[in-house]
C-alpha cells in the first residue's frame, strides 16, 4: 500500500559529516525553516547552534517538537562544515521520504478493508539493515514502518538506495515516542508483538491474523525495556543451533514471512 498522498508533518547523536549534504537539500536560516515547517515541508533534521537564543528559536523548537523533527544542538564549527553563508545558526535537511501521521495511516488501512500490519524499529541505526528491512516490509504487505525521531539511522540517499527504492513506496511514520505509538496502536485494536531472542513463545505459535504490529530492536541492545514491558506478546524465532542473535534484517524477514504465510492461509 502506497499512502504517499498523506502528508504530516538529536541531541546526543554522532554528527554526520555535513559537507556530504548537497545545498539543494538544505534550508538555511531559522525564518526559512519555520516557514517550511508551517507549510508542511518534511524535514529530516534541524541543526542549531548551541549558543543561539531568541524568539525564533522558541517557535522553531515548538514546531519541531509538534512535528517530531529531530533538533540537533551543535557547535558553530559543525554548522560551518555545510559551507553555507548566512545560516544564522540554523540549517535543516530536507527529508528524502515523506513522513506520515500514524493515525491517518491506521484509519486509511481500516477504511480499505485491510488487516493492519505495522513494523516498529527501535534503536536500529545501521542504514543497510533499515534498507533491507524496508524491502522485506514492502514485499510482505506491511502498511507502515514506525520509527522514533531519535536513535534511528537517517533515511538518507544511502538508505533509500539500499532499500532498492522501497523507502519511497512504503509509508514511514516518525513519532516522538514509540511508547505513545504503541498506546495509539492499542487504542485502535492492534496487538503489539516484540521480538526477543529469549522469549518462550515461538512465532509459529502466534496468531498474526488479527491487526498486528511487530517491534524489532537493535542487535546489540534489543527492544528498550520500558517499551518491551507494554507490548502484548514477546516472540522468538526458533534456531537449530544456539547463537547470540540473528541479523535484525534477516530476523525481521523471517517474522514477516510467518505473518504473510498465516494471512495467506
C-alpha atoms as a PDB file:
ATOM      1  CA  UNK A   1       0.000   0.000   0.000  1.00  0.00           C
ATOM      2  CA  UNK A   2       1.379   3.369  -1.022  1.00  0.00           C
ATOM      3  CA  UNK A   3      -0.102   6.193   1.053  1.00  0.00           C
ATOM      4  CA  UNK A   4       2.074   8.896  -0.441  1.00  0.00           C
ATOM      5  CA  UNK A   5      -0.988  11.118  -0.654  1.00  0.00           C
ATOM      6  CA  UNK A   6      -0.821  11.645   3.087  1.00  0.00           C
ATOM      7  CA  UNK A   7       1.459  14.334   4.478  1.00  0.00           C
ATOM      8  CA  UNK A   8       2.291  15.319   8.016  1.00  0.00           C
ATOM      9  CA  UNK A   9       4.300  16.820   9.136  1.00  0.00           C
ATOM     10  CA  UNK A  10      19.339  14.864  18.319  1.00  0.00           C
ATOM     11  CA  UNK A  11      20.555  15.595  20.653  1.00  0.00           C
ATOM     12  CA  UNK A  12      23.357  13.138  21.529  1.00  0.00           C
ATOM     13  CA  UNK A  13      23.791  11.516  18.124  1.00  0.00           C
ATOM     14  CA  UNK A  14      27.119  11.404  16.367  1.00  0.00           C
ATOM     15  CA  UNK A  15      27.313  14.292  13.945  1.00  0.00           C
ATOM     16  CA  UNK A  16      27.410  13.169  10.330  1.00  0.00           C
ATOM     17  CA  UNK A  17      29.810  14.979   8.021  1.00  0.00           C
ATOM     18  CA  UNK A  18      27.715  17.921   6.899  1.00  0.00           C
ATOM     19  CA  UNK A  19      29.743  18.503   3.770  1.00  0.00           C
ATOM     20  CA  UNK A  20      28.138  15.444   2.227  1.00  0.00           C
ATOM     21  CA  UNK A  21      24.764  17.196   2.150  1.00  0.00           C
ATOM     22  CA  UNK A  22      24.031  18.913  -1.159  1.00  0.00           C
ATOM     23  CA  UNK A  23      22.981  22.542  -0.871  1.00  0.00           C
ATOM     24  CA  UNK A  24      19.762  21.829  -2.769  1.00  0.00           C
ATOM     25  CA  UNK A  25      18.691  19.531   0.063  1.00  0.00           C
ATOM     26  CA  UNK A  26      19.133  22.213   2.746  1.00  0.00           C
ATOM     27  CA  UNK A  27      17.022  25.029   4.158  1.00  0.00           C
ATOM     28  CA  UNK A  28      19.041  27.875   5.649  1.00  0.00           C
ATOM     29  CA  UNK A  29      18.053  30.224   8.451  1.00  0.00           C
ATOM     30  CA  UNK A  30      15.507  29.995  11.265  1.00  0.00           C
ATOM     31  CA  UNK A  31      12.820  32.015   9.450  1.00  0.00           C
ATOM     32  CA  UNK A  32      13.000  29.851   6.324  1.00  0.00           C
ATOM     33  CA  UNK A  33      12.917  26.657   8.384  1.00  0.00           C
ATOM     34  CA  UNK A  34       9.894  27.865  10.374  1.00  0.00           C
ATOM     35  CA  UNK A  35       8.106  28.725   7.124  1.00  0.00           C
ATOM     36  CA  UNK A  36       8.891  25.275   5.701  1.00  0.00           C
ATOM     37  CA  UNK A  37       7.514  23.543   8.792  1.00  0.00           C
ATOM     38  CA  UNK A  38       4.377  25.689   8.799  1.00  0.00           C
ATOM     39  CA  UNK A  39       3.711  24.777   5.162  1.00  0.00           C
ATOM     40  CA  UNK A  40       4.114  21.036   5.646  1.00  0.00           C
ATOM     41  CA  UNK A  41       7.615  20.585   4.260  1.00  0.00           C
ATOM     42  CA  UNK A  42       9.057  17.293   5.519  1.00  0.00           C
ATOM     43  CA  UNK A  43      12.427  17.785   7.201  1.00  0.00           C
ATOM     44  CA  UNK A  44      14.851  15.068   8.214  1.00  0.00           C
ATOM     45  CA  UNK A  45      16.568  17.033  10.973  1.00  0.00           C
ATOM     46  CA  UNK A  46      17.429  20.549  12.067  1.00  0.00           C
ATOM     47  CA  UNK A  47      20.875  21.677  13.236  1.00  0.00           C
ATOM     48  CA  UNK A  48      21.000  24.617  15.653  1.00  0.00           C
ATOM     49  CA  UNK A  49      23.987  26.466  17.087  1.00  0.00           C
ATOM     50  CA  UNK A  50      24.215  25.652  20.800  1.00  0.00           C
ATOM     51  CA  UNK A  51      24.663  29.368  21.556  1.00  0.00           C
ATOM     52  CA  UNK A  52      21.617  30.516  19.585  1.00  0.00           C
ATOM     53  CA  UNK A  53      18.875  32.304  21.551  1.00  0.00           C
ATOM     54  CA  UNK A  54      15.804  34.337  20.699  1.00  0.00           C
ATOM     55  CA  UNK A  55      12.090  34.218  19.923  1.00  0.00           C
ATOM     56  CA  UNK A  56      12.554  32.453  16.588  1.00  0.00           C
ATOM     57  CA  UNK A  57      14.330  29.586  18.297  1.00  0.00           C
ATOM     58  CA  UNK A  58      11.370  29.131  20.656  1.00  0.00           C
ATOM     59  CA  UNK A  59       8.966  28.953  17.701  1.00  0.00           C
ATOM     60  CA  UNK A  60      11.290  26.576  15.862  1.00  0.00           C
ATOM     61  CA  UNK A  61      11.633  24.316  18.884  1.00  0.00           C
ATOM     62  CA  UNK A  62       7.850  24.180  19.360  1.00  0.00           C
ATOM     63  CA  UNK A  63       7.163  23.301  15.725  1.00  0.00           C
ATOM     64  CA  UNK A  64       9.934  20.690  15.632  1.00  0.00           C
ATOM     65  CA  UNK A  65       8.513  19.007  18.738  1.00  0.00           C
ATOM     66  CA  UNK A  66       4.967  19.001  17.365  1.00  0.00           C
ATOM     67  CA  UNK A  67       6.085  17.519  14.045  1.00  0.00           C
ATOM     68  CA  UNK A  68       8.623  15.072  15.532  1.00  0.00           C
ATOM     69  CA  UNK A  69      11.535  16.624  13.634  1.00  0.00           C
ATOM     70  CA  UNK A  70      14.853  15.953  15.426  1.00  0.00           C
ATOM     71  CA  UNK A  71      16.518  19.141  16.672  1.00  0.00           C
ATOM     72  CA  UNK A  72      20.284  18.839  16.981  1.00  0.00           C
ATOM     73  CA  UNK A  73      22.257  21.385  19.028  1.00  0.00           C
ATOM     74  CA  UNK A  74      25.791  21.564  17.619  1.00  0.00           C
ATOM     75  CA  UNK A  75      28.851  23.827  17.861  1.00  0.00           C
ATOM     76  CA  UNK A  76      29.148  26.632  15.299  1.00  0.00           C
ATOM     77  CA  UNK A  77      32.072  24.920  13.605  1.00  0.00           C
ATOM     78  CA  UNK A  78      29.858  21.980  12.756  1.00  0.00           C
ATOM     79  CA  UNK A  79      27.376  24.256  11.006  1.00  0.00           C
ATOM     80  CA  UNK A  80      30.255  25.823   9.105  1.00  0.00           C
ATOM     81  CA  UNK A  81      31.109  22.456   7.573  1.00  0.00           C
ATOM     82  CA  UNK A  82      27.985  22.846   5.409  1.00  0.00           C
ATOM     83  CA  UNK A  83      29.958  25.620   3.661  1.00  0.00           C
ATOM     84  CA  UNK A  84      26.912  27.899   3.513  1.00  0.00           C
ATOM     85  CA  UNK A  85      26.923  31.563   4.464  1.00  0.00           C
ATOM     86  CA  UNK A  86      24.135  33.447   6.227  1.00  0.00           C
ATOM     87  CA  UNK A  87      22.653  30.474   8.071  1.00  0.00           C
ATOM     88  CA  UNK A  88      22.337  32.475  11.302  1.00  0.00           C
ATOM     89  CA  UNK A  89      22.861  29.374  13.396  1.00  0.00           C
ATOM     90  CA  UNK A  90      20.174  27.173  11.812  1.00  0.00           C
ATOM     91  CA  UNK A  91      20.324  24.660   8.961  1.00  0.00           C
ATOM     92  CA  UNK A  92      17.734  21.981   8.118  1.00  0.00           C
ATOM     93  CA  UNK A  93      17.991  18.951   5.885  1.00  0.00           C
ATOM     94  CA  UNK A  94      15.008  18.232   3.653  1.00  0.00           C
ATOM     95  CA  UNK A  95      13.673  14.711   4.178  1.00  0.00           C
ATOM     96  CA  UNK A  96      14.162  12.142   1.449  1.00  0.00           C
ATOM     97  CA  UNK A  97      10.885  10.460   2.432  1.00  0.00           C
ATOM     98  CA  UNK A  98       7.506  11.967   3.294  1.00  0.00           C
ATOM     99  CA  UNK A  99       6.712  11.134   6.904  1.00  0.00           C
ATOM    100  CA  UNK A 100       3.106  10.177   7.621  1.00  0.00           C
ATOM    101  CA  UNK A 101       0.757  10.530  10.563  1.00  0.00           C
ATOM    102  CA  UNK A 102       0.224   7.189  12.305  1.00  0.00           C
ATOM    103  CA  UNK A 103      -3.495   7.620  12.997  1.00  0.00           C
ATOM    104  CA  UNK A 104      -4.108   8.690   9.398  1.00  0.00           C
ATOM    105  CA  UNK A 105      -2.425   5.517   8.166  1.00  0.00           C
ATOM    106  CA  UNK A 106      -4.374   3.315  10.592  1.00  0.00           C
ATOM    107  CA  UNK A 107      -7.672   4.898   9.513  1.00  0.00           C
ATOM    108  CA  UNK A 108      -6.761   4.571   5.832  1.00  0.00           C
ATOM    109  CA  UNK A 109      -5.879   0.887   6.159  1.00  0.00           C
ATOM    110  CA  UNK A 110      -9.087   0.094   8.037  1.00  0.00           C
ATOM    111  CA  UNK A 111     -11.190   2.074   5.547  1.00  0.00           C
ATOM    112  CA  UNK A 112      -9.647  -0.008   2.750  1.00  0.00           C
ATOM    113  CA  UNK A 113     -10.832  -3.174   4.480  1.00  0.00           C
ATOM    114  CA  UNK A 114      -7.294  -4.397   5.147  1.00  0.00           C
ATOM    115  CA  UNK A 115      -5.968  -6.062   8.284  1.00  0.00           C
ATOM    116  CA  UNK A 116      -3.369  -3.626   9.675  1.00  0.00           C
ATOM    117  CA  UNK A 117       0.267  -4.720   9.851  1.00  0.00           C
ATOM    118  CA  UNK A 118       2.897  -2.339  11.191  1.00  0.00           C
ATOM    119  CA  UNK A 119       6.621  -2.606  11.813  1.00  0.00           C
ATOM    120  CA  UNK A 120       8.259  -0.661  14.669  1.00  0.00           C
ATOM    121  CA  UNK A 121      12.029  -0.092  14.597  1.00  0.00           C
ATOM    122  CA  UNK A 122      13.642   0.595  17.987  1.00  0.00           C
ATOM    123  CA  UNK A 123      17.287   1.681  18.095  1.00  0.00           C
ATOM    124  CA  UNK A 124      18.263   0.358  14.663  1.00  0.00           C
ATOM    125  CA  UNK A 125      20.984   2.662  13.358  1.00  0.00           C
ATOM    126  CA  UNK A 126      22.622   0.734  10.513  1.00  0.00           C
ATOM    127  CA  UNK A 127      21.107   2.114   7.305  1.00  0.00           C
ATOM    128  CA  UNK A 128      21.908  -1.123   5.457  1.00  0.00           C
ATOM    129  CA  UNK A 129      19.702  -3.006   7.890  1.00  0.00           C
ATOM    130  CA  UNK A 130      17.000  -0.361   7.604  1.00  0.00           C
ATOM    131  CA  UNK A 131      17.127  -0.579   3.824  1.00  0.00           C
ATOM    132  CA  UNK A 132      16.913  -4.375   3.876  1.00  0.00           C
ATOM    133  CA  UNK A 133      14.049  -4.260   6.362  1.00  0.00           C
ATOM    134  CA  UNK A 134      12.138  -1.796   4.184  1.00  0.00           C
ATOM    135  CA  UNK A 135      12.468  -4.058   1.138  1.00  0.00           C
ATOM    136  CA  UNK A 136      11.103  -7.045   3.011  1.00  0.00           C
ATOM    137  CA  UNK A 137       8.365  -4.986   4.667  1.00  0.00           C
ATOM    138  CA  UNK A 138       7.139  -3.735   1.309  1.00  0.00           C
ATOM    139  CA  UNK A 139       7.187  -7.249  -0.170  1.00  0.00           C
ATOM    140  CA  UNK A 140       5.263  -8.656   2.807  1.00  0.00           C
ATOM    141  CA  UNK A 141       2.496  -6.086   2.815  1.00  0.00           C
ATOM    142  CA  UNK A 142       3.455  -4.017   5.850  1.00  0.00           C
ATOM    143  CA  UNK A 143       1.229  -0.941   5.919  1.00  0.00           C
ATOM    144  CA  UNK A 144       3.803   1.370   7.512  1.00  0.00           C
ATOM    145  CA  UNK A 145       7.157   1.446   9.270  1.00  0.00           C
ATOM    146  CA  UNK A 146       7.171   3.352  12.557  1.00  0.00           C
ATOM    147  CA  UNK A 147      10.415   4.978  13.707  1.00  0.00           C
ATOM    148  CA  UNK A 148      11.337   7.299  16.600  1.00  0.00           C
ATOM    149  CA  UNK A 149      12.612  10.810  15.993  1.00  0.00           C
ATOM    150  CA  UNK A 150      15.836   9.941  17.815  1.00  0.00           C
ATOM    151  CA  UNK A 151      18.143   6.940  17.897  1.00  0.00           C
ATOM    152  CA  UNK A 152      17.471   5.574  14.427  1.00  0.00           C
ATOM    153  CA  UNK A 153      19.557   5.625  11.270  1.00  0.00           C
ATOM    154  CA  UNK A 154      18.944   8.519   8.882  1.00  0.00           C
ATOM    155  CA  UNK A 155      16.633   7.739   5.975  1.00  0.00           C
ATOM    156  CA  UNK A 156      19.009   9.387   3.529  1.00  0.00           C
ATOM    157  CA  UNK A 157      20.010   8.659  -0.063  1.00  0.00           C
ATOM    158  CA  UNK A 158      22.129   5.690   1.031  1.00  0.00           C
ATOM    159  CA  UNK A 159      19.238   4.151   2.954  1.00  0.00           C
ATOM    160  CA  UNK A 160      16.888   4.617   0.007  1.00  0.00           C
ATOM    161  CA  UNK A 161      19.462   3.072  -2.336  1.00  0.00           C
ATOM    162  CA  UNK A 162      19.955   0.106  -0.006  1.00  0.00           C
ATOM    163  CA  UNK A 163      16.189  -0.365   0.157  1.00  0.00           C
ATOM    164  CA  UNK A 164      16.042  -0.534  -3.670  1.00  0.00           C
ATOM    165  CA  UNK A 165      13.514   2.291  -3.530  1.00  0.00           C
ATOM    166  CA  UNK A 166      11.193   0.591  -1.035  1.00  0.00           C
ATOM    167  CA  UNK A 167      11.514   3.532   1.370  1.00  0.00           C
ATOM    168  CA  UNK A 168       9.920   5.701  -1.308  1.00  0.00           C
ATOM    169  CA  UNK A 169       6.960   3.317  -1.560  1.00  0.00           C
ATOM    170  CA  UNK A 170       6.130   2.226   1.978  1.00  0.00           C
ATOM    171  CA  UNK A 171       4.715   4.844   4.390  1.00  0.00           C
ATOM    172  CA  UNK A 172       7.029   5.825   7.234  1.00  0.00           C
ATOM    173  CA  UNK A 173       5.615   7.277  10.463  1.00  0.00           C
ATOM    174  CA  UNK A 174       8.086   9.222  12.592  1.00  0.00           C
ATOM    175  CA  UNK A 175       6.956   9.680  16.198  1.00  0.00           C
ATOM    176  CA  UNK A 176       8.480  11.419  19.222  1.00  0.00           C
ATOM    177  CA  UNK A 177       7.733   8.406  21.434  1.00  0.00           C
ATOM    178  CA  UNK A 178       7.479   4.745  20.475  1.00  0.00           C
ATOM    179  CA  UNK A 179       5.653   4.094  23.725  1.00  0.00           C
ATOM    180  CA  UNK A 180       2.967   6.605  22.767  1.00  0.00           C
ATOM    181  CA  UNK A 181       2.814   4.978  19.341  1.00  0.00           C
ATOM    182  CA  UNK A 182       2.168   1.593  20.974  1.00  0.00           C
ATOM    183  CA  UNK A 183      -0.581   3.184  23.082  1.00  0.00           C
ATOM    184  CA  UNK A 184      -2.139   4.567  19.901  1.00  0.00           C
ATOM    185  CA  UNK A 185      -1.970   1.156  18.244  1.00  0.00           C
ATOM    186  CA  UNK A 186      -3.621  -0.412  21.281  1.00  0.00           C
ATOM    187  CA  UNK A 187      -6.436   2.143  21.131  1.00  0.00           C
ATOM    188  CA  UNK A 188      -7.033   1.042  17.540  1.00  0.00           C
ATOM    189  CA  UNK A 189      -7.202  -2.651  18.434  1.00  0.00           C
ATOM    190  CA  UNK A 190      -3.732  -3.574  17.196  1.00  0.00           C
ATOM    191  CA  UNK A 191      -1.825  -6.316  19.049  1.00  0.00           C
ATOM    192  CA  UNK A 192       1.841  -5.451  19.512  1.00  0.00           C
ATOM    193  CA  UNK A 193       4.444  -8.241  19.357  1.00  0.00           C
ATOM    194  CA  UNK A 194       8.029  -7.643  20.477  1.00  0.00           C
ATOM    195  CA  UNK A 195      10.842  -9.737  19.063  1.00  0.00           C
ATOM    196  CA  UNK A 196      13.066 -11.013  21.875  1.00  0.00           C
ATOM    197  CA  UNK A 197      15.664 -13.758  21.493  1.00  0.00           C
ATOM    198  CA  UNK A 198      14.909 -15.330  24.889  1.00  0.00           C
ATOM    199  CA  UNK A 199      11.114 -15.248  24.584  1.00  0.00           C
ATOM    200  CA  UNK A 200       9.432 -18.594  25.110  1.00  0.00           C
ATOM    201  CA  UNK A 201       6.707 -18.087  22.506  1.00  0.00           C
ATOM    202  CA  UNK A 202       7.628 -19.301  19.034  1.00  0.00           C
ATOM    203  CA  UNK A 203       6.477 -17.147  16.114  1.00  0.00           C
ATOM    204  CA  UNK A 204       4.746 -20.204  14.637  1.00  0.00           C
ATOM    205  CA  UNK A 205       2.561 -20.375  17.740  1.00  0.00           C
ATOM    206  CA  UNK A 206       1.372 -16.781  17.434  1.00  0.00           C
ATOM    207  CA  UNK A 207      -1.864 -15.653  15.814  1.00  0.00           C
ATOM    208  CA  UNK A 208      -0.967 -12.931  13.332  1.00  0.00           C
ATOM    209  CA  UNK A 209      -4.318 -12.999  11.545  1.00  0.00           C
ATOM    210  CA  UNK A 210      -5.657 -10.073  13.575  1.00  0.00           C
ATOM    211  CA  UNK A 211      -4.341  -6.464  13.370  1.00  0.00           C
ATOM    212  CA  UNK A 212      -0.691  -6.617  14.456  1.00  0.00           C
ATOM    213  CA  UNK A 213       2.491  -4.621  14.919  1.00  0.00           C
ATOM    214  CA  UNK A 214       5.972  -6.126  15.222  1.00  0.00           C
ATOM    215  CA  UNK A 215       8.677  -4.393  17.277  1.00  0.00           C
ATOM    216  CA  UNK A 216      12.274  -5.051  16.247  1.00  0.00           C
ATOM    217  CA  UNK A 217      15.148  -3.876  18.439  1.00  0.00           C
ATOM    218  CA  UNK A 218      18.835  -3.445  17.727  1.00  0.00           C
ATOM    219  CA  UNK A 219      21.137  -6.461  17.621  1.00  0.00           C
ATOM    220  CA  UNK A 220      23.184  -5.052  20.486  1.00  0.00           C
ATOM    221  CA  UNK A 221      20.502  -3.967  22.957  1.00  0.00           C
ATOM    222  CA  UNK A 222      17.247  -5.471  21.752  1.00  0.00           C
ATOM    223  CA  UNK A 223      13.948  -3.727  22.434  1.00  0.00           C
ATOM    224  CA  UNK A 224      14.079  -0.945  25.026  1.00  0.00           C
ATOM    225  CA  UNK A 225      12.919  -2.481  28.374  1.00  0.00           C
ATOM    226  CA  UNK A 226      10.150   0.056  29.031  1.00  0.00           C
ATOM    227  CA  UNK A 227       8.813  -0.458  25.502  1.00  0.00           C
ATOM    228  CA  UNK A 228       9.084  -4.221  25.857  1.00  0.00           C
ATOM    229  CA  UNK A 229       7.011  -4.056  29.027  1.00  0.00           C
ATOM    230  CA  UNK A 230       3.954  -2.535  27.333  1.00  0.00           C
ATOM    231  CA  UNK A 231       3.933  -4.921  24.353  1.00  0.00           C
ATOM    232  CA  UNK A 232       1.274  -7.648  24.335  1.00  0.00           C
ATOM    233  CA  UNK A 233       3.483 -10.609  23.411  1.00  0.00           C
ATOM    234  CA  UNK A 234       7.179 -11.435  23.358  1.00  0.00           C
ATOM    235  CA  UNK A 235       8.107 -13.696  20.477  1.00  0.00           C
ATOM    236  CA  UNK A 236      11.217 -15.529  19.299  1.00  0.00           C
ATOM    237  CA  UNK A 237      12.480 -17.259  16.183  1.00  0.00           C
ATOM    238  CA  UNK A 238      13.408 -20.941  16.610  1.00  0.00           C
ATOM    239  CA  UNK A 239      17.026 -21.820  15.820  1.00  0.00           C
ATOM    240  CA  UNK A 240      18.627 -25.199  15.244  1.00  0.00           C
ATOM    241  CA  UNK A 241      21.916 -24.141  16.848  1.00  0.00           C
ATOM    242  CA  UNK A 242      22.383 -21.715  19.708  1.00  0.00           C
ATOM    243  CA  UNK A 243      23.819 -18.384  18.627  1.00  0.00           C
ATOM    244  CA  UNK A 244      23.989 -14.906  20.084  1.00  0.00           C
ATOM    245  CA  UNK A 245      21.481 -13.368  17.696  1.00  0.00           C
ATOM    246  CA  UNK A 246      20.268 -13.151  14.130  1.00  0.00           C
ATOM    247  CA  UNK A 247      20.908 -10.153  11.918  1.00  0.00           C
ATOM    248  CA  UNK A 248      17.965  -7.817  12.551  1.00  0.00           C
ATOM    249  CA  UNK A 249      17.105  -7.518   8.871  1.00  0.00           C
ATOM    250  CA  UNK A 250      17.089 -11.307   8.462  1.00  0.00           C
ATOM    251  CA  UNK A 251      15.075 -11.771  11.667  1.00  0.00           C
ATOM    252  CA  UNK A 252      12.520  -9.214  10.515  1.00  0.00           C
ATOM    253  CA  UNK A 253      12.135 -11.035   7.229  1.00  0.00           C
ATOM    254  CA  UNK A 254      11.555 -14.381   8.964  1.00  0.00           C
ATOM    255  CA  UNK A 255       8.854 -12.940  11.208  1.00  0.00           C
ATOM    256  CA  UNK A 256       7.111 -11.056   8.403  1.00  0.00           C
ATOM    257  CA  UNK A 257       7.038 -14.128   6.194  1.00  0.00           C
ATOM    258  CA  UNK A 258       5.405 -16.069   9.035  1.00  0.00           C
ATOM    259  CA  UNK A 259       2.797 -13.303   9.242  1.00  0.00           C
ATOM    260  CA  UNK A 260       2.266 -13.380   5.483  1.00  0.00           C
ATOM    261  CA  UNK A 261       2.020 -17.181   5.465  1.00  0.00           C
ATOM    262  CA  UNK A 262      -0.662 -17.162   8.147  1.00  0.00           C
ATOM    263  CA  UNK A 263      -2.638 -14.417   6.472  1.00  0.00           C
ATOM    264  CA  UNK A 264      -2.410 -16.061   3.079  1.00  0.00           C
ATOM    265  CA  UNK A 265      -3.750 -19.297   4.549  1.00  0.00           C
END
